[in-house]
Amino acid sequence: MQSRVGVIVGSLRKGAYTRMLARALPELTPPSLQLVDIGIGELPLYNYDLETDQPPPAWTAFRTAVKATDALLFVTPEFNRSMPGALKNAMDVGSRPWGDSAWTGKPAGVISLTPGALGAMASNHHLRQVLLAVNLAAMPYPEAYIPGAASLFDDSGQLTSAETRQFLQQFMEAFAVWVDRFRSPR
């Protein structure tokens, strides 16, 4: 039986390296995982005043999409030594209303990617702190900090780095094992 994995890309930019990487993942993923994209670009900023009987429809659709998954995979760049604001907003939206978090108890993985040399390590770790706060179980190992993003893709956005493809395939195999640990017996 396949596990549904929601893939959340932290960058809103259409041509983002993180989006290119997320598009490459399905062919590197074991058949036990089904990757489904969950967009965050239409989410209004979280404001408790909007948490009424009729919250913004984008919040409701996002929360429903997250709840329909068995696990989450975050693919994030680094903005100013942290995760992008849109991703933090998505974390906040998904964690509400109080007592009905969409995130609770699900396994999660984090891949960070940057043109720089450190592979967006600060963003990765900051996101992991938030995952803990919303009761997502982040896979501890292997960690995925991918540097040099500009050299990994061709002009059409295809991942061409054989070394990165091999690493991501191993990461996704480990993630499949992690997700399976949380599967309820049926």
Protein backbone atom coordinates (compact mmCIF):
# COMPACT_ATOMS: atom_id res chain seq x y z
CA MET A 1 0.00 0.00 0.00
CA GLN A 2 1.31 3.45 -0.94
CA SER A 3 1.75 6.26 1.53
CA ARG A 4 0.61 9.70 0.35
CA VAL A 5 3.39 12.23 0.89
CA GLY A 6 2.55 15.92 0.64
CA VAL A 7 5.43 17.83 -0.93
CA ILE A 8 5.62 21.45 0.17
CA VAL A 9 8.04 23.70 -1.69
CA GLY A 10 9.17 26.70 0.35
CA SER A 11 9.79 29.06 -2.55
CA LEU A 12 6.96 30.75 -4.41
CA ARG A 13 9.11 31.59 -7.45
CA LYS A 14 8.00 29.66 -10.55
CA GLY A 15 11.60 28.97 -11.62
CA ALA A 16 12.90 28.16 -8.13
CA TYR A 17 15.61 25.52 -7.80
CA THR A 18 13.55 23.95 -5.01
CA ARG A 19 10.61 23.58 -7.41
CA MET A 20 12.90 21.99 -10.03
CA LEU A 21 14.19 19.58 -7.41
CA ALA A 22 10.66 18.70 -6.26
CA ARG A 23 9.72 17.91 -9.88
CA ALA A 24 12.71 15.52 -10.09
CA LEU A 25 11.77 13.57 -6.96
CA PRO A 26 9.01 11.26 -8.25
CA GLU A 27 11.38 9.30 -10.49
CA LEU A 28 13.84 8.95 -7.57
CA THR A 29 11.20 7.80 -5.09
CA PRO A 30 10.38 4.20 -4.15
CA PRO A 31 6.95 2.97 -5.33
CA SER A 32 5.76 2.76 -1.72
CA LEU A 33 5.46 6.57 -1.70
CA GLN A 34 3.07 8.66 -3.78
CA LEU A 35 4.18 12.30 -3.91
CA VAL A 36 1.46 14.96 -4.11
CA ASP A 37 2.15 18.67 -4.42
CA ILE A 38 0.62 20.94 -1.79
CA GLY A 39 0.92 24.59 -2.75
CA ILE A 40 1.36 27.41 -0.26
CA GLY A 41 1.33 30.44 -2.56
CA GLU A 42 -2.35 31.31 -2.13
CA LEU A 43 -2.43 31.22 1.68
CA PRO A 44 -3.37 34.53 3.31
CA LEU A 45 -1.06 35.47 6.19
CA TYR A 46 -2.16 33.79 9.37
CA ASN A 47 -4.31 36.10 11.48
CA TYR A 48 -6.22 34.70 14.43
CA ASP A 49 -9.03 37.19 13.76
CA LEU A 50 -9.81 35.21 10.57
CA GLU A 51 -10.10 31.94 12.51
CA THR A 52 -13.90 31.92 12.56
CA ASP A 53 -16.59 29.42 11.55
CA GLN A 54 -15.68 30.38 7.96
CA PRO A 55 -11.89 30.82 7.75
CA PRO A 56 -10.35 31.82 4.41
CA PRO A 57 -11.12 29.09 1.83
CA ALA A 58 -7.40 28.75 1.01
CA TRP A 59 -6.69 27.86 4.64
CA THR A 60 -9.43 25.22 4.64
CA ALA A 61 -8.22 23.70 1.35
CA PHE A 62 -4.62 23.63 2.60
CA ARG A 63 -5.53 22.01 5.92
CA THR A 64 -7.66 19.41 4.13
CA ALA A 65 -4.81 18.61 1.72
CA VAL A 66 -2.33 18.18 4.59
CA LYS A 67 -4.72 16.00 6.60
CA ALA A 68 -5.18 13.75 3.53
CA THR A 69 -1.48 12.81 3.60
CA ASP A 70 0.39 10.17 5.54
CA ALA A 71 3.64 12.17 5.61
CA LEU A 72 5.15 15.49 4.55
CA LEU A 73 8.29 16.35 2.63
CA PHE A 74 9.53 19.94 2.70
CA VAL A 75 11.86 21.27 0.00
CA THR A 76 13.14 24.65 1.08
CA PRO A 77 15.58 27.36 0.10
CA GLU A 78 17.18 29.67 2.65
CA PHE A 79 16.20 33.31 3.03
CA ASN A 80 18.30 35.34 5.49
CA ARG A 81 19.46 32.26 7.42
CA SER A 82 15.92 30.95 7.83
CA MET A 83 13.02 29.42 5.95
CA PRO A 84 11.01 31.65 3.60
CA GLY A 85 8.16 33.59 5.19
CA ALA A 86 5.60 31.80 3.00
CA LEU A 87 6.71 28.45 4.42
CA LYS A 88 6.54 29.69 8.01
CA ASN A 89 3.06 31.04 7.28
CA ALA A 90 2.03 27.62 5.95
CA MET A 91 3.30 26.01 9.14
CA ASP A 92 1.20 28.44 11.19
CA VAL A 93 -1.93 27.99 9.06
CA GLY A 94 -1.66 24.19 9.26
CA SER A 95 -1.21 24.21 13.03
CA ARG A 96 -4.55 25.92 13.67
CA PRO A 97 -7.24 26.06 14.89
CA TRP A 98 -5.93 25.14 18.32
CA GLY A 99 -6.48 21.44 18.98
CA ASP A 100 -7.02 20.57 15.31
CA SER A 101 -3.56 20.81 13.77
CA ALA A 102 -3.23 19.26 10.32
CA TRP A 103 0.37 18.30 11.11
CA THR A 104 -0.01 16.26 14.30
CA GLY A 105 1.84 12.99 14.46
CA LYS A 106 2.93 12.72 10.83
CA PRO A 107 6.45 11.78 9.74
CA ALA A 108 8.32 14.46 7.80
CA GLY A 109 11.49 14.99 5.82
CA VAL A 110 13.41 18.12 4.92
CA ILE A 111 15.55 18.82 1.86
CA SER A 112 17.21 22.21 1.66
CA LEU A 113 18.79 23.60 -1.48
CA THR A 114 20.70 26.76 -2.31
CA PRO A 115 23.09 28.18 -4.90
CA GLY A 116 25.46 28.87 -1.99
CA ALA A 117 28.01 26.59 -0.39
CA LEU A 118 26.20 25.58 2.81
CA GLY A 119 23.15 23.89 1.28
CA ALA A 120 20.67 26.08 3.18
CA MET A 121 21.65 24.38 6.42
CA ALA A 122 20.30 27.22 8.60
CA SER A 123 16.91 27.05 6.89
CA ASN A 124 16.85 23.27 7.27
CA HIS A 125 17.53 23.47 11.00
CA HIS A 126 15.13 26.35 11.60
CA LEU A 127 12.36 24.44 9.82
CA ARG A 128 13.16 21.34 11.91
CA GLN A 129 12.59 23.42 15.08
CA VAL A 130 9.14 24.39 13.81
CA LEU A 131 8.35 20.79 12.81
CA LEU A 132 9.02 19.76 16.40
CA ALA A 133 6.75 22.54 17.69
CA VAL A 134 3.81 21.38 15.54
CA ASN A 135 4.31 17.68 16.38
CA LEU A 136 5.77 16.51 13.07
CA ALA A 137 8.40 13.78 13.40
CA ALA A 138 11.35 14.90 11.27
CA MET A 139 13.54 12.14 9.87
CA PRO A 140 16.84 12.57 11.72
CA TYR A 141 19.14 10.99 9.14
CA PRO A 142 20.25 11.33 6.44
CA GLU A 143 20.19 15.10 6.42
CA ALA A 144 19.82 16.77 3.03
CA TYR A 145 21.68 20.06 2.53
CA ILE A 146 22.28 20.53 -1.19
CA PRO A 147 24.69 23.32 -2.25
CA GLY A 148 25.52 24.68 -5.70
CA ALA A 149 21.94 24.54 -7.02
CA ALA A 150 22.72 26.63 -10.10
CA SER A 151 25.01 23.91 -11.47
CA LEU A 152 22.64 20.97 -10.85
CA PHE A 153 19.97 21.69 -13.49
CA ASP A 154 19.98 22.20 -17.25
CA ASP A 155 18.26 25.08 -19.05
CA SER A 156 14.93 23.22 -19.04
CA GLY A 157 15.05 22.66 -15.26
CA GLN A 158 15.99 18.98 -15.39
CA LEU A 159 18.23 17.67 -12.61
CA THR A 160 21.41 16.63 -14.44
CA SER A 161 23.83 16.00 -11.57
CA ALA A 162 24.29 12.22 -11.31
CA GLU A 163 25.78 12.58 -7.83
CA THR A 164 22.79 14.60 -6.60
CA ARG A 165 20.34 12.18 -8.22
CA GLN A 166 22.04 9.26 -6.46
CA PHE A 167 22.02 11.10 -3.12
CA LEU A 168 18.33 12.00 -3.49
CA GLN A 169 17.41 8.43 -4.41
CA GLN A 170 19.14 7.20 -1.24
CA PHE A 171 17.46 9.95 0.77
CA MET A 172 14.03 9.00 -0.58
CA GLU A 173 14.66 5.30 0.15
CA ALA A 174 15.52 6.22 3.75
CA PHE A 175 12.45 8.47 3.89
CA ALA A 176 10.25 5.57 2.74
CA VAL A 177 11.58 3.49 5.65
CA TRP A 178 10.94 6.42 8.03
CA VAL A 179 7.37 6.86 6.78
CA ASP A 180 6.70 3.12 7.06
CA ARG A 181 7.64 3.24 10.77
CA PHE A 182 4.59 5.45 11.33
CA ARG A 183 2.13 3.40 9.29
CA SER A 184 -0.81 2.12 11.28
CA PRO A 185 -1.52 -1.59 10.95
CA ARG A 186 -4.66 -2.05 8.82
